[in-house]
């Protein structure tokens, strides 16, 4: 399981690194003004729908159903189930995409009502979103085929697919002289990347002899179980996206630049989520599904404990960094070209607010696996909506006084409520059984986090004394802080784990 985790995380790291290059280019070329705001809306919309109808819902409902069919009835039955779902999904997405393209001005009115006061920004957002929206169809099919590959223990191509998105956007920016603007070029890169990603996973599934084909769906028991799990999963995924929609809608009412500040901070916030949280959940869900399908609950819970221990260990330094050096991070990563020091300061406050909730966000995928592996998608839905309700109420209360950072803070509080409820409900059902090793590791990482936070001001002064007179001082300062902080954290965790006799995740059994 840890080998698969490393594979997914490795390709996710390559994706994030290529995404870093993409975001630096976007920040340098687009800045954080009118064109950037319109582009980020165009980028967000298909990703919202993909998260609702693709990744979130299908990873919750499809992988356990497919794994169970594979274990109980064999490959042919599992492939037929995947083919039936593929046919229905394609039809739904074609209809949805056609309606959205036709009514795109209405969609933008809903998503970014504040744009209507600026006709140029509004018109550009409509045009760019019409370019990017077909990405939804292709990437949702990518998600389904990736689920099939994951159920067969093949994780590499699905984890590598997002790299093609970043490379396509970078290629689009390089050819921006052929388009009306760099935003148009980047939007076309998003659309083309959907085709490339689908080709990658389809070829890999064909080689693995597990590529689903179109079939006429019929209501088999397996398909009924999938649909019964899919409904709550779609609603739950939609609920999470409602909170993100609320960010976009409210941010569009704030002064120009708020949407961009949230988007740039979200890029860095998503790094540990993708690299650690989603990677852990992607590997853990089929792992737990297989063990529970064999009624081996002890091994399933041991896998979950290992996954959560590794997640906490790797996420804690991000938590400390986002809270203690957010401005250094934003300056070091993005302060080039049209991205100014003022833009970095605005985005840094948003990143710090997001950072408050980074730990529960990355753990939610591992906690949700307790329910999804048993095809219970209703309980996570309830927990998600409680967190979202608190999230949206706080957004409305804080956005006028706190601005964009108030929206991010509300997201963090909602994540703590959601994660806490999931842990409590799973524990009460005995679907989550934390062991002593996990508890001792949490204490060890907590001590290491306190040491790192206390030492950060000194590390910051030391880094500035070395780099302040050098070219690219902001980037070099961030690199120095990262190297020294990372070394201190590793040493602190190792010492604390030895004192507490807490086995590190790679040694958990």
Protein backbone atom coordinates (compact mmCIF):
# COMPACT_ATOMS: atom_id res chain seq x y z
CA UNK A 1 0.00 0.00 0.00
CA UNK A 2 2.81 2.41 0.87
CA UNK A 3 4.52 1.57 -2.44
CA UNK A 4 1.31 2.58 -4.28
CA UNK A 5 1.09 5.70 -2.10
CA UNK A 6 4.65 6.61 -3.11
CA UNK A 7 3.79 6.04 -6.79
CA UNK A 8 0.72 8.28 -6.65
CA UNK A 9 2.54 10.92 -4.59
CA UNK A 10 5.54 10.83 -6.91
CA UNK A 11 3.48 11.53 -10.00
CA UNK A 12 1.40 14.05 -8.06
CA UNK A 13 4.64 15.80 -7.10
CA UNK A 14 5.61 15.98 -10.79
CA UNK A 15 2.14 17.33 -11.49
CA UNK A 16 2.51 19.98 -8.78
CA UNK A 17 5.97 20.95 -10.00
CA UNK A 18 4.71 21.37 -13.55
CA UNK A 19 1.72 23.19 -12.05
CA UNK A 20 4.14 25.46 -10.23
CA UNK A 21 5.77 26.39 -13.55
CA UNK A 22 2.29 26.93 -15.02
CA UNK A 23 1.19 29.16 -12.15
CA UNK A 24 4.38 31.22 -12.15
CA UNK A 25 3.88 31.84 -15.89
CA UNK A 26 0.21 32.72 -15.36
CA UNK A 27 1.05 35.08 -12.50
CA UNK A 28 3.81 36.71 -14.51
CA UNK A 29 1.68 37.11 -17.67
CA UNK A 30 -1.84 37.67 -16.27
CA UNK A 31 -1.09 39.25 -12.89
CA UNK A 32 -4.20 39.55 -10.69
CA UNK A 33 -6.43 41.96 -12.60
CA UNK A 34 -9.43 41.76 -14.91
CA UNK A 35 -8.09 39.17 -17.36
CA UNK A 36 -6.83 36.92 -14.54
CA UNK A 37 -10.18 37.05 -12.73
CA UNK A 38 -12.04 36.04 -15.93
CA UNK A 39 -9.59 33.20 -16.64
CA UNK A 40 -9.81 31.75 -13.13
CA UNK A 41 -13.62 31.70 -13.35
CA UNK A 42 -13.35 29.85 -16.69
CA UNK A 43 -10.94 27.38 -15.13
CA UNK A 44 -13.01 26.81 -12.02
CA UNK A 45 -16.39 26.06 -13.58
CA UNK A 46 -15.60 22.77 -15.37
CA UNK A 47 -13.51 21.74 -12.37
CA UNK A 48 -16.48 22.31 -10.04
CA UNK A 49 -18.69 20.06 -12.18
CA UNK A 50 -15.92 17.50 -12.57
CA UNK A 51 -15.61 17.31 -8.79
CA UNK A 52 -19.39 16.83 -8.50
CA UNK A 53 -20.00 14.30 -11.29
CA UNK A 54 -16.52 12.88 -11.68
CA UNK A 55 -13.85 12.55 -9.02
CA UNK A 56 -15.84 12.98 -5.82
CA UNK A 57 -18.94 10.94 -6.63
CA UNK A 58 -17.33 8.21 -8.71
CA UNK A 59 -14.39 7.57 -6.42
CA UNK A 60 -16.92 7.16 -3.61
CA UNK A 61 -19.45 4.95 -5.39
CA UNK A 62 -17.67 3.29 -8.30
CA UNK A 63 -14.42 1.94 -6.83
CA UNK A 64 -16.04 -0.10 -4.01
CA UNK A 65 -18.78 -1.39 -6.35
CA UNK A 66 -16.27 -2.38 -9.02
CA UNK A 67 -13.88 -3.96 -6.47
CA UNK A 68 -16.72 -5.98 -4.96
CA UNK A 69 -17.89 -7.19 -8.38
CA UNK A 70 -14.29 -8.09 -9.26
CA UNK A 71 -13.86 -10.10 -6.05
CA UNK A 72 -17.24 -11.86 -6.14
CA UNK A 73 -18.01 -12.41 -9.86
CA UNK A 74 -14.76 -11.95 -11.75
CA UNK A 75 -13.34 -9.67 -14.42
CA UNK A 76 -16.06 -10.05 -17.07
CA UNK A 77 -18.85 -9.01 -14.70
CA UNK A 78 -16.77 -6.10 -13.38
CA UNK A 79 -15.97 -4.93 -16.93
CA UNK A 80 -19.66 -5.09 -17.91
CA UNK A 81 -20.55 -2.97 -14.87
CA UNK A 82 -17.92 -0.41 -15.83
CA UNK A 83 -19.16 -0.37 -19.44
CA UNK A 84 -22.76 0.25 -18.38
CA UNK A 85 -21.71 3.13 -16.16
CA UNK A 86 -19.46 4.52 -18.92
CA UNK A 87 -22.38 4.61 -21.36
CA UNK A 88 -24.73 6.37 -18.95
CA UNK A 89 -22.09 8.84 -17.78
CA UNK A 90 -21.17 9.84 -21.33
CA UNK A 91 -24.79 10.50 -22.26
CA UNK A 92 -25.40 12.62 -19.15
CA UNK A 93 -22.25 14.67 -19.66
CA UNK A 94 -22.89 15.31 -23.35
CA UNK A 95 -26.35 16.69 -22.53
CA UNK A 96 -25.03 18.73 -19.58
CA UNK A 97 -22.20 20.21 -21.65
CA UNK A 98 -24.53 21.16 -24.52
CA UNK A 99 -26.96 22.94 -22.18
CA UNK A 100 -24.14 24.73 -20.32
CA UNK A 101 -22.49 25.94 -23.55
CA UNK A 102 -25.85 27.25 -24.77
CA UNK A 103 -26.71 29.02 -21.52
CA UNK A 104 -23.20 30.12 -20.51
CA UNK A 105 -24.14 33.79 -19.83
CA UNK A 106 -26.75 32.56 -17.35
CA UNK A 107 -24.16 30.24 -15.76
CA UNK A 108 -21.69 33.12 -15.32
CA UNK A 109 -24.47 35.25 -13.81
CA UNK A 110 -24.92 32.53 -11.17
CA UNK A 111 -21.25 31.84 -10.55
CA UNK A 112 -19.87 35.39 -10.60
CA UNK A 113 -22.72 37.89 -10.24
CA UNK A 114 -20.30 40.72 -9.49
CA UNK A 115 -18.87 40.45 -13.01
CA UNK A 116 -22.05 41.90 -14.53
CA UNK A 117 -20.95 45.35 -13.32
CA UNK A 118 -17.86 45.11 -15.55
CA UNK A 119 -19.00 44.24 -19.10
CA UNK A 120 -15.50 43.55 -20.42
CA UNK A 121 -14.70 41.08 -17.62
CA UNK A 122 -18.14 39.45 -17.97
CA UNK A 123 -17.85 38.97 -21.75
CA UNK A 124 -14.35 37.53 -21.43
CA UNK A 125 -15.46 35.10 -18.69
CA UNK A 126 -18.31 33.83 -20.92
CA UNK A 127 -15.97 33.32 -23.88
CA UNK A 128 -13.22 31.59 -21.91
CA UNK A 129 -15.63 29.30 -20.07
CA UNK A 130 -17.16 28.15 -23.36
CA UNK A 131 -13.65 27.14 -24.40
CA UNK A 132 -12.82 25.26 -21.19
CA UNK A 133 -16.16 23.56 -20.48
CA UNK A 134 -15.68 20.50 -22.79
CA UNK A 135 -12.81 19.55 -20.47
CA UNK A 136 -15.51 18.33 -18.08
CA UNK A 137 -16.61 15.53 -20.44
CA UNK A 138 -13.13 14.18 -21.07
CA UNK A 139 -11.80 14.41 -17.53
CA UNK A 140 -14.89 12.69 -16.08
CA UNK A 141 -14.27 9.74 -18.40
CA UNK A 142 -10.64 9.86 -17.27
CA UNK A 143 -11.86 9.57 -13.68
CA UNK A 144 -13.96 6.48 -14.42
CA UNK A 145 -11.17 4.66 -16.28
CA UNK A 146 -8.75 5.68 -13.51
CA UNK A 147 -11.09 4.04 -10.99
CA UNK A 148 -10.92 0.80 -12.98
CA UNK A 149 -7.13 0.97 -13.08
CA UNK A 150 -6.94 1.70 -9.34
CA UNK A 151 -9.16 -1.29 -8.55
CA UNK A 152 -6.65 -3.44 -10.46
CA UNK A 153 -3.76 -2.00 -8.45
CA UNK A 154 -2.53 0.29 -11.25
CA UNK A 155 -2.13 3.88 -10.07
CA UNK A 156 0.65 5.41 -12.17
CA UNK A 157 -1.10 6.63 -15.34
CA UNK A 158 -4.10 8.05 -13.46
CA UNK A 159 -1.75 9.97 -11.15
CA UNK A 160 0.33 11.15 -14.13
CA UNK A 161 -2.62 12.40 -16.20
CA UNK A 162 -2.84 15.86 -14.54
CA UNK A 163 0.73 16.55 -15.67
CA UNK A 164 -0.66 16.76 -19.21
CA UNK A 165 -3.04 19.53 -18.10
CA UNK A 166 -0.13 21.65 -16.89
CA UNK A 167 2.00 20.96 -19.95
CA UNK A 168 -0.90 21.82 -22.27
CA UNK A 169 -1.49 25.16 -20.51
CA UNK A 170 2.24 25.95 -20.62
CA UNK A 171 2.30 25.09 -24.34
CA UNK A 172 -0.75 27.31 -24.86
CA UNK A 173 0.96 30.22 -23.10
CA UNK A 174 4.06 29.69 -25.25
CA UNK A 175 1.84 30.02 -28.34
CA UNK A 176 -0.22 32.91 -26.95
CA UNK A 177 0.81 35.13 -29.89
CA UNK A 178 -1.58 33.03 -31.99
CA UNK A 179 -4.58 33.88 -29.78
CA UNK A 180 -6.50 37.06 -28.87
CA UNK A 181 -4.88 36.98 -25.40
CA UNK A 182 -2.78 34.74 -23.15
CA UNK A 183 -5.99 33.85 -21.26
CA UNK A 184 -7.52 32.47 -24.49
CA UNK A 185 -4.37 30.42 -25.10
CA UNK A 186 -4.41 28.96 -21.56
CA UNK A 187 -8.13 28.15 -21.87
CA UNK A 188 -7.52 26.20 -25.10
CA UNK A 189 -4.72 24.37 -23.31
CA UNK A 190 -7.22 23.20 -20.67
CA UNK A 191 -9.64 21.91 -23.33
CA UNK A 192 -6.97 20.05 -25.31
CA UNK A 193 -5.51 18.48 -22.16
CA UNK A 194 -8.78 16.63 -21.57
CA UNK A 195 -8.31 14.70 -24.82
CA UNK A 196 -4.66 13.95 -23.96
CA UNK A 197 -5.50 12.69 -20.47
CA UNK A 198 -8.26 10.43 -21.78
CA UNK A 199 -5.89 8.96 -24.37
CA UNK A 200 -3.26 8.25 -21.68
CA UNK A 201 -5.50 6.32 -19.27
CA UNK A 202 -7.40 4.55 -22.07
CA UNK A 203 -4.17 3.24 -23.60
CA UNK A 204 -2.96 2.08 -20.19
CA UNK A 205 -6.27 0.35 -19.44
CA UNK A 206 -6.18 -1.33 -22.87
CA UNK A 207 -2.71 -2.69 -22.15
CA UNK A 208 -3.91 -3.92 -18.74
CA UNK A 209 -6.91 -5.60 -20.43
CA UNK A 210 -9.40 -3.70 -18.29
CA UNK A 211 -10.63 -0.92 -20.61
CA UNK A 212 -14.44 -0.61 -20.25
CA UNK A 213 -16.43 -0.53 -23.49
CA UNK A 214 -19.83 0.99 -24.24
CA UNK A 215 -22.68 -1.43 -23.50
CA UNK A 216 -26.44 -1.06 -23.13
CA UNK A 217 -27.04 -0.61 -19.38
CA UNK A 218 -29.43 -2.90 -17.53
CA UNK A 219 -30.29 -2.80 -13.84
CA UNK A 220 -28.15 -5.60 -12.44
CA UNK A 221 -27.78 -5.92 -8.64
CA UNK A 222 -24.29 -4.44 -8.88
CA UNK A 223 -25.54 -1.44 -10.88
CA UNK A 224 -28.36 -0.92 -8.37
CA UNK A 225 -25.84 -0.89 -5.51
CA UNK A 226 -23.71 1.59 -7.43
CA UNK A 227 -26.66 3.90 -8.10
CA UNK A 228 -27.84 3.73 -4.49
CA UNK A 229 -24.36 4.83 -3.38
CA UNK A 230 -23.98 7.35 -6.20
CA UNK A 231 -26.97 9.51 -5.27
CA UNK A 232 -25.72 10.54 -1.82
CA UNK A 233 -22.16 10.75 -3.18
CA UNK A 234 -23.19 13.23 -5.89
CA UNK A 235 -25.14 15.29 -3.37
CA UNK A 236 -22.20 15.19 -0.96
CA UNK A 237 -19.74 16.22 -3.68
CA UNK A 238 -22.13 18.95 -4.77
CA UNK A 239 -22.27 20.14 -1.19
CA UNK A 240 -18.50 20.59 -1.04
CA UNK A 241 -18.62 22.45 -4.35
CA UNK A 242 -21.40 24.69 -3.00
CA UNK A 243 -18.89 26.02 -0.49
CA UNK A 244 -16.35 26.65 -3.27
CA UNK A 245 -19.06 28.22 -5.43
CA UNK A 246 -19.81 30.50 -2.47
CA UNK A 247 -16.15 31.57 -2.39
CA UNK A 248 -16.28 32.46 -6.09
CA UNK A 249 -19.65 34.21 -5.91
CA UNK A 250 -18.78 36.30 -2.85
CA UNK A 251 -15.26 37.04 -4.10
CA UNK A 252 -16.75 38.42 -7.32
CA UNK A 253 -18.53 41.03 -5.16
CA UNK A 254 -15.21 42.16 -3.65
CA UNK A 255 -12.80 44.57 -5.40
CA UNK A 256 -10.94 43.36 -8.49
CA UNK A 257 -8.12 41.02 -7.50
CA UNK A 258 -9.99 39.10 -4.78
CA UNK A 259 -10.75 36.14 -7.09
CA UNK A 260 -7.10 36.05 -8.14
CA UNK A 261 -5.84 36.27 -4.53
CA UNK A 262 -7.98 33.27 -3.58
CA UNK A 263 -6.88 31.37 -6.69
CA UNK A 264 -3.15 31.90 -6.16
CA UNK A 265 -3.38 30.98 -2.46
CA UNK A 266 -5.49 27.95 -3.35
CA UNK A 267 -2.74 26.75 -5.71
CA UNK A 268 -0.35 26.35 -2.79
CA UNK A 269 -3.05 25.11 -0.41
CA UNK A 270 -3.84 22.34 -2.89
CA UNK A 271 -0.22 21.11 -2.91
CA UNK A 272 -0.42 19.01 0.30
CA UNK A 273 -4.05 18.12 -0.44
CA UNK A 274 -3.12 16.53 -3.77
CA UNK A 275 0.32 15.27 -2.83
CA UNK A 276 -0.73 13.70 0.46
CA UNK A 277 -4.50 13.69 1.15
CA UNK A 278 -5.85 12.66 -2.25
CA UNK A 279 -2.96 10.24 -2.80
CA UNK A 280 -3.69 8.55 0.54
CA UNK A 281 -7.42 8.34 -0.17
CA UNK A 282 -6.88 7.06 -3.72
CA UNK A 283 -4.75 4.16 -2.49
CA UNK A 284 -6.63 3.48 0.76
CA UNK A 285 -10.15 3.15 -0.70
CA UNK A 286 -9.51 0.11 -2.96
CA UNK A 287 -7.22 -1.34 -0.29
CA UNK A 288 -9.93 -1.21 2.38
CA UNK A 289 -12.61 -2.32 -0.10
CA UNK A 290 -10.65 -5.47 -0.94
CA UNK A 291 -10.01 -6.39 2.71
CA UNK A 292 -13.60 -5.69 3.77
CA UNK A 293 -14.82 -7.73 0.79
CA UNK A 294 -12.92 -10.64 2.39
CA UNK A 295 -14.31 -9.69 5.86
CA UNK A 296 -10.78 -8.94 7.08
CA UNK A 297 -11.60 -5.90 9.21
CA UNK A 298 -8.37 -5.91 11.22
CA UNK A 299 -6.18 -5.54 8.12
CA UNK A 300 -8.48 -2.84 6.72
CA UNK A 301 -8.19 -0.79 9.92
CA UNK A 302 -4.41 -1.33 10.05
CA UNK A 303 -4.16 0.04 6.51
CA UNK A 304 -6.21 3.07 7.53
CA UNK A 305 -4.00 3.74 10.56
CA UNK A 306 -0.86 3.56 8.41
CA UNK A 307 -2.41 5.92 5.87
CA UNK A 308 -3.46 8.47 8.49
CA UNK A 309 -0.10 8.31 10.28
CA UNK A 310 1.76 9.02 7.06
CA UNK A 311 -0.70 11.79 6.16
CA UNK A 312 -0.25 13.57 9.50
CA UNK A 313 3.53 13.19 9.42
CA UNK A 314 3.84 14.73 5.93
CA UNK A 315 1.22 17.47 6.31
CA UNK A 316 2.33 18.99 9.62
CA UNK A 317 5.25 21.04 8.17
CA UNK A 318 2.86 22.56 5.59
CA UNK A 319 0.53 23.50 8.44
CA UNK A 320 3.35 25.28 10.28
CA UNK A 321 4.67 26.99 7.13
CA UNK A 322 1.28 28.30 5.99
CA UNK A 323 0.70 29.88 9.41
CA UNK A 324 4.18 31.28 10.08
CA UNK A 325 5.67 32.29 6.70
CA UNK A 326 2.74 32.79 4.26
CA UNK A 327 4.11 36.05 2.81
CA UNK A 328 7.56 34.58 2.26
CA UNK A 329 5.90 31.69 0.42
CA UNK A 330 3.82 33.91 -1.86
CA UNK A 331 6.76 36.23 -2.58
CA UNK A 332 9.15 33.38 -3.28
CA UNK A 333 6.77 31.52 -5.58
CA UNK A 334 4.81 34.16 -7.47
CA UNK A 335 6.43 37.62 -7.17
CA UNK A 336 7.57 38.01 -10.78
CA UNK A 337 6.40 40.11 -13.72
CA UNK A 338 2.97 41.61 -13.12
CA UNK A 339 2.55 39.89 -9.72
CA UNK A 340 3.50 42.62 -7.24
CA UNK A 341 4.44 42.76 -3.55
CA UNK A 342 0.92 44.01 -2.79
CA UNK A 343 -0.53 40.98 -4.60
CA UNK A 344 1.74 38.72 -2.52
CA UNK A 345 0.57 40.32 0.74
CA UNK A 346 -3.11 39.94 -0.23
CA UNK A 347 -2.66 36.28 -1.21
CA UNK A 348 -0.56 35.55 1.91
CA UNK A 349 -3.41 36.41 4.28
CA UNK A 350 -5.67 34.05 2.34
CA UNK A 351 -3.05 31.26 2.46
CA UNK A 352 -2.66 31.64 6.25
CA UNK A 353 -6.43 31.39 6.71
CA UNK A 354 -6.61 28.30 4.51
CA UNK A 355 -3.67 26.80 6.43
CA UNK A 356 -5.71 26.65 9.65
CA UNK A 357 -7.76 23.85 8.07
CA UNK A 358 -5.10 21.95 6.14
CA UNK A 359 -4.84 19.02 8.58
CA UNK A 360 -8.54 18.03 8.57
CA UNK A 361 -8.76 18.55 4.81
CA UNK A 362 -6.00 16.03 4.06
CA UNK A 363 -7.36 13.56 6.63
CA UNK A 364 -10.93 13.65 5.34
CA UNK A 365 -10.13 11.36 2.40
CA UNK A 366 -8.75 8.69 4.75
CA UNK A 367 -11.67 9.09 7.16
CA UNK A 368 -14.27 8.92 4.39
CA UNK A 369 -12.74 5.60 3.25
CA UNK A 370 -14.25 4.01 6.40
CA UNK A 371 -17.71 4.67 4.96
CA UNK A 372 -17.16 4.47 1.20
CA UNK A 373 -15.40 1.10 1.43
CA UNK A 374 -18.63 -0.19 3.00
CA UNK A 375 -20.69 1.63 0.33
CA UNK A 376 -22.13 4.00 2.92
CA UNK A 377 -22.17 7.38 1.17
CA UNK A 378 -25.02 8.87 3.23
CA UNK A 379 -23.09 9.41 6.49
CA UNK A 380 -20.25 11.40 4.84
CA UNK A 381 -22.93 13.44 3.06
CA UNK A 382 -24.48 14.45 6.41
CA UNK A 383 -21.10 15.33 7.91
CA UNK A 384 -20.16 17.33 4.80
CA UNK A 385 -23.37 19.36 4.86
CA UNK A 386 -22.98 20.23 8.55
CA UNK A 387 -19.49 21.53 7.82
CA UNK A 388 -20.67 23.35 4.70
CA UNK A 389 -23.54 25.04 6.54
CA UNK A 390 -21.10 26.45 9.10
CA UNK A 391 -18.71 27.36 6.28
CA UNK A 392 -21.26 29.34 4.24
CA UNK A 393 -22.70 31.12 7.31
CA UNK A 394 -19.19 32.23 8.30
CA UNK A 395 -18.42 33.39 4.76
CA UNK A 396 -21.48 35.63 4.71
CA UNK A 397 -20.62 36.98 8.17
CA UNK A 398 -16.94 37.66 7.49
CA UNK A 399 -16.48 38.64 3.85
CA UNK A 400 -17.22 42.35 4.27
CA UNK A 401 -14.92 42.88 7.26
CA UNK A 402 -12.19 40.29 6.47
CA UNK A 403 -12.38 40.22 2.68
CA UNK A 404 -10.93 37.23 0.82
CA UNK A 405 -9.15 35.90 3.91
CA UNK A 406 -12.54 35.65 5.68
CA UNK A 407 -13.76 33.29 2.96
CA UNK A 408 -10.67 31.10 3.41
CA UNK A 409 -11.02 31.10 7.22
CA UNK A 410 -14.62 29.93 6.89
CA UNK A 411 -13.44 27.08 4.66
CA UNK A 412 -10.91 26.04 7.34
CA UNK A 413 -13.50 25.99 10.13
CA UNK A 414 -15.91 24.02 7.96
CA UNK A 415 -13.16 21.45 7.31
CA UNK A 416 -12.54 20.98 11.05
CA UNK A 417 -16.26 20.42 11.66
CA UNK A 418 -16.56 17.97 8.74
CA UNK A 419 -13.43 16.00 9.70
CA UNK A 420 -14.34 15.91 13.39
CA UNK A 421 -17.82 14.57 12.67
CA UNK A 422 -16.45 11.89 10.31
CA UNK A 423 -13.94 10.70 12.93
CA UNK A 424 -16.59 10.64 15.69
CA UNK A 425 -19.22 8.80 13.62
CA UNK A 426 -16.73 6.25 12.26
CA UNK A 427 -15.37 5.63 15.76
CA UNK A 428 -18.86 5.10 17.20
CA UNK A 429 -19.61 2.55 14.47
CA UNK A 430 -16.21 0.86 15.16
CA UNK A 431 -15.33 1.58 11.51
CA UNK A 432 -12.34 3.63 12.65
CA UNK A 433 -10.09 2.06 15.28
CA UNK A 434 -7.02 4.23 15.98
CA UNK A 435 -4.25 2.24 17.66
CA UNK A 436 -1.58 3.25 20.17
CA UNK A 437 1.05 3.69 17.46
CA UNK A 438 -1.09 6.28 15.68
CA UNK A 439 -1.75 8.14 18.95
CA UNK A 440 1.95 8.25 19.85
CA UNK A 441 2.87 9.45 16.36
CA UNK A 442 0.32 12.29 16.61
CA UNK A 443 1.96 13.42 19.86
CA UNK A 444 5.43 13.20 18.31
CA UNK A 445 4.46 15.29 15.27
CA UNK A 446 2.72 17.80 17.53
CA UNK A 447 5.91 18.30 19.53
CA UNK A 448 7.94 18.63 16.34
CA UNK A 449 5.46 21.22 15.03
CA UNK A 450 5.85 23.32 18.20
CA UNK A 451 9.64 23.21 17.90
CA UNK A 452 9.48 24.20 14.22
CA UNK A 453 7.04 27.07 14.88
CA UNK A 454 9.17 28.40 17.74
CA UNK A 455 12.33 28.28 15.61
CA UNK A 456 10.80 29.85 12.48
CA UNK A 457 11.45 33.54 13.39
CA UNK A 458 15.14 32.77 13.93
CA UNK A 459 15.31 30.74 10.72
CA UNK A 460 13.66 33.63 8.87
CA UNK A 461 16.23 36.15 10.15
CA UNK A 462 19.09 33.80 9.29
CA UNK A 463 17.76 33.24 5.76
CA UNK A 464 17.31 36.97 5.13
CA UNK A 465 20.86 37.69 6.34
CA UNK A 466 22.16 35.30 3.67
CA UNK A 467 19.92 36.19 0.74
CA UNK A 468 18.74 39.80 1.06
CA UNK A 469 21.48 41.19 -1.20
CA UNK A 470 21.28 38.43 -3.83
CA UNK A 471 19.33 38.38 -7.11
CA UNK A 472 15.96 36.63 -6.77
CA UNK A 473 16.20 37.18 -3.00
CA UNK A 474 12.57 36.21 -2.30
CA UNK A 475 12.90 32.81 -4.01
CA UNK A 476 16.26 32.08 -2.37
CA UNK A 477 14.89 33.06 1.06
CA UNK A 478 12.03 30.60 0.63
CA UNK A 479 14.40 27.83 -0.48
CA UNK A 480 16.68 28.44 2.53
CA UNK A 481 13.71 28.43 4.90
CA UNK A 482 12.39 25.23 3.36
CA UNK A 483 15.70 23.39 3.65
CA UNK A 484 16.43 24.48 7.23
CA UNK A 485 12.84 24.06 8.41
CA UNK A 486 12.55 20.64 6.76
CA UNK A 487 15.78 19.43 8.36
CA UNK A 488 14.71 20.67 11.79
CA UNK A 489 11.29 19.02 11.46
CA UNK A 490 12.73 15.65 10.42
CA UNK A 491 15.20 15.71 13.30
CA UNK A 492 12.52 16.76 15.80
CA UNK A 493 10.10 14.06 14.67
CA UNK A 494 12.78 11.39 14.82
CA UNK A 495 13.84 12.35 18.35
CA UNK A 496 10.25 12.67 19.61
CA UNK A 497 9.27 9.35 18.04
CA UNK A 498 12.24 7.62 19.67
CA UNK A 499 11.42 9.09 23.08
CA UNK A 500 7.74 8.15 22.81
CA UNK A 501 8.50 4.77 21.18
CA UNK A 502 6.24 5.73 18.30
CA UNK A 503 6.98 3.75 15.10
CA UNK A 504 7.16 5.95 12.02
CA UNK A 505 4.54 5.12 9.33
CA UNK A 506 6.87 3.17 7.06
CA UNK A 507 7.47 0.77 9.99
CA UNK A 508 3.84 0.44 11.15
CA UNK A 509 2.51 -3.10 11.09
